[in-house]
Protein backbone atom coordinates (compact mmCIF):
# COMPACT_ATOMS: atom_id res chain seq x y z
CA MET A 1 -35.71 7.79 0.87
CA LYS A 2 -37.79 4.75 1.85
CA GLU A 3 -38.29 3.70 5.42
CA ARG A 4 -36.18 0.53 6.27
CA ILE A 5 -36.04 -2.38 8.58
CA ILE A 6 -32.44 -2.29 9.87
CA PRO A 7 -30.65 -5.59 10.57
CA VAL A 8 -28.29 -5.61 13.38
CA LYS A 9 -24.84 -6.94 12.77
CA ASN A 10 -23.12 -6.98 16.22
CA ILE A 11 -23.71 -5.79 19.80
CA LEU A 12 -21.00 -4.45 21.78
CA PRO A 13 -20.08 -6.22 25.06
CA GLY A 14 -21.47 -4.49 28.02
CA SER A 15 -23.34 -1.97 26.07
CA ILE A 16 -26.88 -0.63 26.61
CA ALA A 17 -28.25 -2.76 23.78
CA GLU A 18 -26.70 -6.12 25.34
CA GLU A 19 -28.36 -5.29 28.74
CA ALA A 20 -31.69 -4.57 26.80
CA GLY A 21 -31.51 -8.05 25.18
CA ILE A 22 -30.97 -6.90 21.60
CA GLU A 23 -28.95 -9.40 19.62
CA ALA A 24 -27.14 -9.67 16.34
CA GLY A 25 -29.65 -10.71 13.76
CA ASP A 26 -32.45 -8.85 15.34
CA MET A 27 -34.30 -6.15 13.15
CA ILE A 28 -34.88 -2.48 14.35
CA LEU A 29 -38.34 -1.43 13.37
CA SER A 30 -38.64 1.84 14.79
CA ILE A 31 -37.42 4.07 17.68
CA ASN A 32 -39.76 6.27 19.56
CA GLY A 33 -42.31 5.22 16.99
CA GLU A 34 -40.41 6.73 14.04
CA LYS A 35 -39.11 4.63 11.20
CA ILE A 36 -35.57 4.78 10.29
CA ARG A 37 -34.42 5.75 6.75
CA ASP A 38 -30.69 5.89 7.15
CA ILE A 39 -27.94 6.36 9.55
CA PHE A 40 -28.76 9.95 10.32
CA ASP A 41 -32.27 9.14 11.28
CA TYR A 42 -30.80 6.55 13.71
CA GLN A 43 -28.15 8.70 15.36
CA PHE A 44 -30.68 11.67 15.75
CA LEU A 45 -33.32 9.47 17.29
CA ILE A 46 -30.98 7.58 19.89
CA THR A 47 -29.84 11.02 21.27
CA ASN A 48 -32.85 11.08 23.54
CA GLU A 49 -32.62 10.01 27.18
CA ASN A 50 -35.75 7.83 27.01
CA LEU A 51 -36.26 5.43 24.13
CA MET A 52 -38.85 2.87 22.97
CA VAL A 53 -37.04 0.80 20.50
CA GLU A 54 -39.29 -1.69 18.46
CA ILE A 55 -37.29 -4.81 17.67
CA LEU A 56 -38.38 -7.95 15.37
CA LYS A 57 -36.67 -10.80 16.91
CA GLN A 58 -35.26 -13.85 14.91
CA ASP A 59 -38.08 -16.00 16.01
CA GLY A 60 -40.49 -13.58 14.61
CA GLU A 61 -41.59 -12.02 17.89
CA VAL A 62 -41.93 -8.34 18.17
CA TRP A 63 -40.41 -6.72 21.30
CA GLU A 64 -40.85 -3.16 22.52
CA ILE A 65 -37.85 -2.20 24.84
CA GLU A 66 -37.88 0.75 27.07
CA ILE A 67 -34.40 2.39 27.33
CA GLU A 68 -33.37 5.15 29.84
CA LYS A 69 -29.79 6.50 29.17
CA ASP A 70 -27.75 9.53 29.22
CA GLU A 71 -28.45 12.08 26.43
CA TYR A 72 -26.21 11.18 23.38
CA GLU A 73 -25.05 7.96 24.95
CA ASP A 74 -24.61 5.29 22.18
CA LEU A 75 -26.50 2.09 22.36
CA GLY A 76 -23.63 -0.14 21.29
CA ILE A 77 -25.24 -1.45 18.09
CA GLU A 78 -23.08 -2.17 14.91
CA PHE A 79 -24.68 -2.45 11.51
CA GLU A 80 -23.39 -4.15 8.41
CA ASN A 81 -23.54 -0.93 6.40
CA MET A 82 -22.41 2.30 8.06
CA MET A 83 -24.90 4.16 5.84
CA LEU A 84 -27.78 1.76 6.44
CA ASP A 85 -28.72 1.99 2.91
CA ASP A 86 -26.81 2.49 -0.39
CA ALA A 87 -24.80 5.54 -1.11
CA LYS A 88 -26.19 8.02 -3.66
CA SER A 89 -24.61 7.67 -7.11
CA CYS A 90 -23.61 10.72 -9.18
CA ASN A 91 -25.98 11.81 -12.05
CA ASN A 92 -23.59 14.28 -13.55
CA LYS A 93 -21.42 13.74 -16.68
CA CYS A 94 -18.55 16.20 -15.59
CA ILE A 95 -16.24 17.10 -18.48
CA PHE A 96 -13.40 16.31 -16.26
CA CYS A 97 -14.57 13.27 -14.25
CA PHE A 98 -11.65 10.99 -13.45
CA ILE A 99 -13.75 7.81 -13.37
CA ASP A 100 -14.72 8.36 -16.95
CA GLN A 101 -10.95 8.27 -17.76
CA LEU A 102 -10.45 4.72 -16.32
CA PRO A 103 -9.51 1.96 -18.55
CA LYS A 104 -11.70 -1.09 -18.77
CA GLY A 105 -10.99 -4.08 -16.52
CA MET A 106 -10.32 -2.61 -13.17
CA ARG A 107 -12.29 -3.66 -10.07
CA ASP A 108 -15.85 -2.62 -10.20
CA THR A 109 -15.85 -0.35 -7.01
CA LEU A 110 -13.48 1.94 -8.79
CA TYR A 111 -16.30 2.73 -11.43
CA PHE A 112 -18.94 3.84 -8.78
CA LYS A 113 -19.50 7.57 -8.67
CA ASP A 114 -20.65 8.68 -5.22
CA ASP A 115 -22.40 12.06 -4.82
CA ASP A 116 -23.82 11.48 -1.19
CA SER A 117 -23.73 14.23 1.55
CA ARG A 118 -23.57 11.42 4.12
CA LEU A 119 -20.19 10.32 2.87
CA SER A 120 -19.27 14.02 2.73
CA PHE A 121 -19.85 14.19 6.52
CA PHE A 122 -18.38 10.82 7.39
CA MET A 123 -15.48 10.45 5.00
CA GLY A 124 -14.83 13.85 3.72
CA ASN A 125 -15.87 12.98 0.21
CA TYR A 126 -16.90 16.10 -2.12
CA VAL A 127 -20.57 16.32 -3.38
CA THR A 128 -21.99 18.53 -6.04
CA LEU A 129 -25.42 18.81 -4.47
CA THR A 130 -27.10 18.26 -7.85
CA ASN A 131 -29.07 15.27 -6.56
CA MET A 132 -30.32 17.17 -3.52
CA SER A 133 -33.62 18.90 -3.19
CA PHE A 134 -34.13 21.61 -0.73
CA ASP A 135 -35.76 19.18 1.65
CA ASP A 136 -32.62 17.18 1.67
CA ILE A 137 -30.72 20.42 2.29
CA ASP A 138 -33.09 21.03 5.43
CA ARG A 139 -32.38 17.49 6.58
CA ILE A 140 -28.70 18.14 6.52
CA ILE A 141 -29.35 21.26 8.72
CA LYS A 142 -31.57 19.28 11.14
CA TYR A 143 -29.03 16.66 11.81
CA LYS A 144 -26.27 19.15 11.91
CA MET A 145 -24.24 17.34 9.18
CA SER A 146 -21.23 19.74 9.45
CA PRO A 147 -19.04 20.30 7.69
CA ILE A 148 -19.89 19.41 4.16
CA ASN A 149 -17.53 19.49 1.35
CA VAL A 150 -19.00 20.68 -2.04
CA SER A 151 -17.43 20.42 -5.47
CA VAL A 152 -18.44 23.82 -6.98
CA HIS A 153 -15.95 24.34 -9.99
CA THR A 154 -17.60 27.45 -10.83
CA THR A 155 -20.48 29.84 -9.51
CA ASN A 156 -21.54 30.63 -13.00
CA PRO A 157 -24.80 28.87 -13.50
CA ASP A 158 -24.48 28.13 -17.16
CA LEU A 159 -20.86 27.19 -16.98
CA ARG A 160 -21.55 24.89 -14.19
CA VAL A 161 -24.58 23.30 -16.28
CA PHE A 162 -22.09 22.74 -19.12
CA MET A 163 -19.18 21.48 -16.99
CA LEU A 164 -21.32 19.05 -15.07
CA LYS A 165 -23.64 18.19 -17.92
CA ASN A 166 -26.54 18.51 -15.72
CA LYS A 167 -29.44 21.01 -15.99
CA LYS A 168 -29.90 21.09 -12.37
CA ALA A 169 -26.29 22.15 -11.53
CA GLY A 170 -26.90 25.92 -11.70
CA ASP A 171 -28.36 26.48 -8.13
CA VAL A 172 -25.26 25.56 -6.31
CA VAL A 173 -24.73 29.07 -4.54
CA THR A 174 -28.41 29.09 -3.44
CA LYS A 175 -27.92 25.76 -1.90
CA ILE A 176 -24.63 26.60 -0.24
CA LYS A 177 -26.26 29.80 1.19
CA ARG A 178 -28.96 27.65 2.64
CA LEU A 179 -26.70 25.31 4.22
CA ILE A 180 -24.77 28.30 5.91
CA ASP A 181 -27.75 29.86 7.04
CA GLY A 182 -28.71 26.78 8.74
CA GLY A 183 -25.22 26.64 10.67
CA ILE A 184 -23.66 24.17 8.36
CA GLU A 185 -19.84 24.85 7.54
CA VAL A 186 -18.93 24.27 3.89
CA ASN A 187 -15.58 23.44 2.38
CA CYS A 188 -15.48 24.23 -1.43
CA GLN A 189 -13.51 22.69 -4.35
CA ILE A 190 -12.83 24.18 -7.76
CA VAL A 191 -11.27 21.63 -10.21
CA LEU A 192 -9.57 23.83 -12.49
CA CYS A 193 -9.79 23.26 -16.21
CA ARG A 194 -7.68 25.17 -18.49
CA ASP A 195 -9.37 27.87 -20.56
CA ILE A 196 -12.85 26.80 -19.20
CA ASN A 197 -13.35 27.80 -15.55
CA ASP A 198 -10.05 29.74 -14.83
CA GLU A 199 -8.86 33.28 -15.54
CA GLU A 200 -12.01 35.50 -15.21
CA GLU A 201 -14.32 32.65 -14.30
CA LEU A 202 -11.96 31.69 -11.46
CA ASP A 203 -11.99 35.22 -10.06
CA ARG A 204 -15.66 35.20 -10.11
CA THR A 205 -15.95 31.84 -8.19
CA ILE A 206 -13.42 32.74 -5.70
CA ASN A 207 -15.17 36.24 -5.12
CA GLU A 208 -18.62 34.80 -4.76
CA LEU A 209 -17.55 31.91 -2.46
CA GLY A 210 -14.84 33.76 -0.52
CA TYR A 211 -17.25 36.52 0.58
CA LEU A 212 -19.54 33.79 2.21
CA TYR A 213 -16.67 33.27 4.87
CA PRO A 214 -16.81 31.84 7.52
CA GLY A 215 -19.79 29.89 6.40
CA VAL A 216 -17.57 28.83 3.49
CA LYS A 217 -14.62 27.78 5.58
CA SER A 218 -12.27 27.17 2.78
CA ILE A 219 -11.83 26.85 -0.92
CA SER A 220 -9.35 24.70 -2.73
CA VAL A 221 -8.06 25.12 -6.25
CA VAL A 222 -6.84 21.86 -7.82
CA PRO A 223 -5.79 20.93 -11.29
CA VAL A 224 -7.95 18.72 -13.53
CA GLY A 225 -6.50 15.10 -13.54
CA ILE A 226 -6.18 14.02 -17.22
CA THR A 227 -5.41 10.34 -18.13
CA LYS A 228 -4.46 8.98 -21.45
CA TYR A 229 -8.10 7.36 -21.64
CA ARG A 230 -10.08 10.38 -22.99
CA ASP A 231 -11.34 9.05 -26.21
CA GLY A 232 -14.76 10.54 -26.88
CA LEU A 233 -14.60 12.94 -24.00
CA THR A 234 -14.44 16.79 -23.92
CA SER A 235 -11.08 17.98 -24.96
CA LEU A 236 -8.94 19.08 -22.04
CA GLU A 237 -5.52 20.82 -22.10
CA PRO A 238 -3.19 20.05 -18.99
CA TYR A 239 -1.55 22.78 -16.97
CA ASP A 240 2.06 23.49 -17.63
CA SER A 241 4.62 25.45 -15.88
CA GLU A 242 3.68 29.10 -17.26
CA SER A 243 -0.12 28.38 -16.93
CA SER A 244 0.35 26.99 -13.46
CA LEU A 245 2.41 30.06 -12.30
CA LYS A 246 -0.45 32.43 -13.73
CA VAL A 247 -2.92 30.29 -11.49
CA ILE A 248 -0.70 30.70 -8.39
CA ASN A 249 -0.19 34.54 -8.87
CA GLN A 250 -4.08 34.90 -9.37
CA VAL A 251 -5.01 32.94 -6.31
CA GLU A 252 -2.31 34.40 -4.15
CA ALA A 253 -3.79 37.84 -4.78
CA TRP A 254 -7.00 36.63 -3.35
CA GLN A 255 -5.29 35.20 -0.44
CA LYS A 256 -3.77 38.52 0.31
CA LYS A 257 -7.01 40.31 0.06
CA PHE A 258 -9.02 37.78 2.20
CA LYS A 259 -6.04 37.74 4.75
CA GLU A 260 -6.42 41.50 5.35
CA GLN A 261 -10.16 41.45 5.45
CA PHE A 262 -10.92 38.18 7.23
CA GLY A 263 -7.77 37.12 9.04
CA SER A 264 -7.71 34.01 6.81
CA ARG A 265 -6.58 33.28 3.43
CA VAL A 266 -9.73 31.17 2.82
CA VAL A 267 -8.60 29.89 -0.62
CA TYR A 268 -5.67 27.50 -1.04
CA ILE A 269 -3.88 26.03 -4.07
CA ALA A 270 -3.07 22.41 -4.62
CA ASP A 271 0.60 21.33 -4.23
CA GLU A 272 0.54 20.18 -7.82
CA PHE A 273 0.40 23.77 -9.19
CA TYR A 274 3.39 24.84 -7.18
CA ILE A 275 5.26 21.61 -8.37
CA MET A 276 4.40 22.41 -11.91
CA ALA A 277 5.33 25.88 -11.83
CA GLY A 278 8.72 25.04 -10.30
CA LYS A 279 7.82 27.39 -7.22
CA ASP A 280 8.66 26.57 -3.63
CA ILE A 281 5.75 25.23 -1.62
CA PRO A 282 4.34 27.75 0.89
CA ASP A 283 5.40 27.71 4.43
CA TYR A 284 3.55 25.36 6.84
CA GLU A 285 1.88 28.46 8.52
CA GLU A 286 0.37 29.63 5.36
CA TYR A 287 -1.97 26.70 5.28
CA GLU A 288 -3.47 27.82 8.71
CA ASP A 289 -5.42 24.84 10.10
CA PHE A 290 -4.90 22.82 6.78
CA PRO A 291 -8.90 22.64 5.99
CA GLN A 292 -8.30 20.94 2.66
CA ILE A 293 -5.35 18.49 3.40
CA GLU A 294 -7.32 15.49 2.17
CA ASN A 295 -7.61 17.32 -1.09
CA GLY A 296 -3.94 17.50 -1.65
CA VAL A 297 -3.56 20.98 -0.48
CA GLY A 298 -0.48 21.46 1.88
CA LEU A 299 0.54 17.79 2.06
CA ILE A 300 4.16 18.62 1.32
CA ALA A 301 4.28 21.41 3.59
CA GLN A 302 2.80 19.12 6.43
CA LEU A 303 5.41 16.34 5.54
CA LYS A 304 8.29 18.63 5.76
CA LYS A 305 7.02 20.11 9.04
CA GLU A 306 6.43 16.58 10.53
CA PHE A 307 9.85 15.54 9.14
CA GLU A 308 11.74 18.42 10.77
CA GLU A 309 10.05 17.97 14.06
CA ALA A 310 10.87 14.09 14.11
CA LEU A 311 14.41 14.97 13.37
CA GLU A 312 14.55 17.31 16.38
CA GLN A 313 12.99 14.59 18.67
CA LEU A 314 15.76 12.15 17.23
CA ASP A 315 18.66 14.77 17.90
CA SER A 316 17.20 15.16 21.51
CA GLU A 317 17.30 11.50 22.04
CA PHE A 318 20.88 11.03 20.54
CA GLU A 319 21.89 13.85 22.68
CA CYS A 320 20.76 12.30 25.81
CA GLU A 321 22.05 8.96 24.85
CA GLY A 322 25.43 10.41 23.84
CA LYS A 323 25.76 12.11 27.46
CA LYS A 324 24.85 8.76 29.15
CA HIS A 325 27.19 6.55 26.98
CA ASN A 326 29.67 9.00 25.52
CA THR A 327 28.82 7.80 22.00
CA ALA A 328 28.42 9.18 18.47
CA LYS A 329 25.13 10.38 17.07
CA ASP A 330 24.26 7.29 15.13
CA SER A 331 25.21 4.86 17.89
CA SER A 332 21.71 3.73 18.40
CA LEU A 333 21.43 2.41 14.85
CA LYS A 334 22.77 -0.87 13.57
CA LYS A 335 26.33 -0.93 12.82
CA GLU A 336 25.96 -2.84 9.49
CA MET A 337 25.08 -0.75 6.32
CA ARG A 338 21.37 -0.23 5.70
CA ASN A 339 20.56 -0.20 2.11
CA ILE A 340 16.93 0.77 1.09
CA SER A 341 15.03 2.10 -1.86
CA ILE A 342 11.98 4.32 -1.94
CA ALA A 343 9.40 4.49 -4.90
CA THR A 344 7.40 7.65 -5.40
CA GLY A 345 5.47 9.66 -7.91
CA VAL A 346 6.84 12.33 -10.11
CA SER A 347 5.27 15.29 -8.09
CA PRO A 348 6.73 14.84 -4.63
CA TYR A 349 10.09 13.11 -5.99
CA SER A 350 12.25 16.18 -5.33
CA TYR A 351 10.94 16.56 -1.71
CA ILE A 352 11.46 12.87 -1.02
CA LYS A 353 14.76 12.87 -2.58
CA GLU A 354 15.75 15.96 -0.34
CA MET A 355 14.60 14.24 2.96
CA ALA A 356 16.36 11.12 2.05
CA GLY A 357 19.55 13.04 1.32
CA VAL A 358 19.15 14.62 4.97
CA LEU A 359 18.97 11.19 6.43
CA GLU A 360 21.89 9.85 4.46
CA ASN A 361 24.16 12.79 5.50
CA ARG A 362 23.23 12.51 9.14
CA PHE A 363 23.55 8.59 9.32
CA LYS A 364 26.63 7.33 7.40
CA ASN A 365 25.53 3.73 7.62
CA ILE A 366 22.23 4.41 5.42
CA ASN A 367 22.14 4.27 1.85
CA ILE A 368 18.94 5.14 -0.05
CA ASN A 369 17.97 5.01 -3.61
CA VAL A 370 14.88 7.11 -4.44
CA TYR A 371 13.22 6.24 -7.58
CA LYS A 372 10.83 8.31 -9.64
CA ILE A 373 8.10 6.31 -11.05
CA GLU A 374 6.20 7.67 -14.14
CA ASN A 375 2.55 6.86 -14.47
CA ASN A 376 2.50 4.78 -17.78
CA PHE A 377 -0.72 3.17 -16.73
CA PHE A 378 -2.91 6.45 -16.61
CA GLY A 379 -0.45 8.62 -18.63
CA LYS A 380 2.46 11.14 -17.94
CA ASN A 381 0.00 13.74 -16.94
CA VAL A 382 -0.84 11.85 -13.97
CA THR A 383 2.11 12.60 -11.57
CA VAL A 384 0.77 12.04 -7.73
CA THR A 385 1.93 8.98 -5.77
CA GLY A 386 -1.31 7.73 -4.85
CA LEU A 387 -2.45 6.89 -8.46
CA LEU A 388 0.64 4.61 -9.15
CA THR A 389 -0.05 1.14 -9.98
CA GLY A 390 1.67 -2.34 -9.30
CA GLN A 391 2.55 -2.97 -12.93
CA ASP A 392 4.30 0.48 -13.26
CA LEU A 393 6.27 -0.30 -10.00
CA ILE A 394 7.28 -3.60 -11.14
CA GLU A 395 8.26 -2.57 -14.79
CA GLN A 396 10.16 0.37 -13.58
CA LEU A 397 12.04 -1.12 -10.74
CA LYS A 398 12.68 -4.75 -11.84
CA ASN A 399 16.26 -4.08 -12.98
CA LYS A 400 17.11 -1.46 -10.34
CA GLU A 401 19.04 -1.74 -7.27
CA LEU A 402 16.65 -2.10 -4.37
CA GLY A 403 18.70 -3.05 -1.53
CA ASP A 404 17.13 -5.02 1.39
CA GLU A 405 13.98 -3.13 1.62
CA LEU A 406 11.55 -1.17 -0.83
CA LEU A 407 9.52 1.70 0.81
CA ILE A 408 6.19 2.67 -0.79
CA SER A 409 3.58 5.18 0.25
CA ARG A 410 0.33 3.93 1.87
CA SER A 411 -1.44 6.45 -0.45
CA MET A 412 -0.98 3.76 -3.12
CA LEU A 413 -3.27 1.37 -1.29
CA LYS A 414 -6.76 0.76 -1.08
CA ALA A 415 -7.90 2.03 2.51
CA GLY A 416 -7.63 -0.50 5.06
CA GLU A 417 -6.10 -3.24 2.53
CA ASP A 418 -2.67 -3.99 0.88
CA ILE A 419 -4.18 -3.67 -2.78
CA LEU A 420 -3.04 -1.14 -5.38
CA LEU A 421 -5.30 0.24 -8.13
CA ASP A 422 -4.74 -2.54 -10.51
CA ASP A 423 -5.34 -5.23 -7.90
CA TYR A 424 -1.61 -6.03 -7.21
CA SER A 425 -1.01 -6.69 -3.68
CA VAL A 426 2.08 -5.93 -1.59
CA THR A 427 2.84 -9.55 -1.46
CA ASP A 428 2.60 -9.61 -5.32
CA LEU A 429 5.03 -6.94 -5.54
CA GLU A 430 7.48 -8.59 -3.16
CA GLN A 431 7.36 -11.74 -5.23
CA LYS A 432 7.98 -9.93 -8.56
CA LEU A 433 10.57 -7.53 -7.19
CA LYS A 434 12.17 -10.00 -4.91
CA VAL A 435 12.46 -7.46 -1.95
CA LYS A 436 10.84 -6.75 1.30
CA ILE A 437 8.25 -4.02 1.03
CA THR A 438 7.53 -1.67 3.74
CA VAL A 439 4.41 0.59 3.64
CA VAL A 440 5.06 4.17 4.80
CA ASP A 441 2.20 6.35 6.19
CA ASN A 442 1.83 10.00 4.88
CA ASP A 443 3.61 11.21 7.77
CA GLY A 444 7.13 12.87 7.97
CA LYS A 445 7.82 10.92 11.31
CA ASP A 446 6.87 7.66 9.85
CA PHE A 447 9.15 8.40 7.01
CA ILE A 448 12.08 8.55 9.16
CA VAL A 449 11.10 5.54 11.30
CA LYS A 450 10.83 3.44 8.21
CA VAL A 451 14.00 4.69 6.68
CA LEU A 452 16.06 4.18 9.75
CA GLY A 453 14.32 1.00 10.66
CA LYS A 454 14.19 2.51 14.27
CA VAL A 455 11.09 3.39 16.38
CA LEU A 456 11.18 6.94 17.66
């Protein structure tokens, strides 16, 4: 990684940097005589109480600024790029890679394959460690970049080389052990491919990773995502009800063993397996501290728990209001009928439908139509809500009764924007469907708030 001259984008008002005379447009040359390669060099260096910051001003003058501050106190400098350099791209050719299954013509950013440990630390992304040397591993340990999320898939070296199509992929367990020995906590992911890394191979992987607990804090088992755009790629068979149930029984046996030995289940099963198997999602408590919630593990259990807690809060508010005003439970809602609709993916449909039914039964002036949207864009094997596109929403809802408002999940949108995967915006959807669209956070309380049109 090359040393860099780092441009300053912005200085926070009242910050140490502002008091020191550092300005937007200045360049950071070094801190305490050391050049900066990326954000972790910068953050590590500024933890010191005494700093010598070398700055290249916009007029070409070089300043050496002495700064005294509290340990770990931030300087108040913002950069154009959070990483301070480009993210590392993936050098694997995984047989299950979802990006390789995207159709042409989508926005360029969707085709970038990141495999950067820094994004794992900052954003929770999963990395394979194949583009990392042991020097890179030691740098993670030095900077205490914990936790790190690792896509393992299998601990069988030969099988992992095959699955990732990378001859350097076989040493993942050695690298994980090095991280753990250095005090780094690791969360592991297994993307399960039917008849490839399941059954006996899954037992081997769970066994080898599970007994690294607590260094390996958690393991998730998720089904491979298969789109209809797999021409020329390795043949993969989707999981069905019977094979999903087999996976659940296999992993739950490991959960029982680890729970007895470690006091933790360690390994967790993605919601999709339970839904495909037609089996009830485990209780909220069985996900412990939800270590893999961002990986779709426990989302339904968490949503249901939040929904139930928000209902209790609502009942409490109504009880207080009823005593004060001697009114019915639904008195705080508008008297006129509220007609809304909800669009959701195939996987969570029954749970969303159930929650909507609870609210309809409790509040008689609300009518809710819940629509199951099939993923024609990627193919019927893709069932999660977050991968629905604008064109599928438009095509499947255009002749439906949508009422006064259509609710969609924020998981459908690009982070921080109102753009779906196929570049349709929320405004585009509103114009095409001729209905107001409200975005709902992935939260049970926000679901109730948006359905009722009432702030809790």
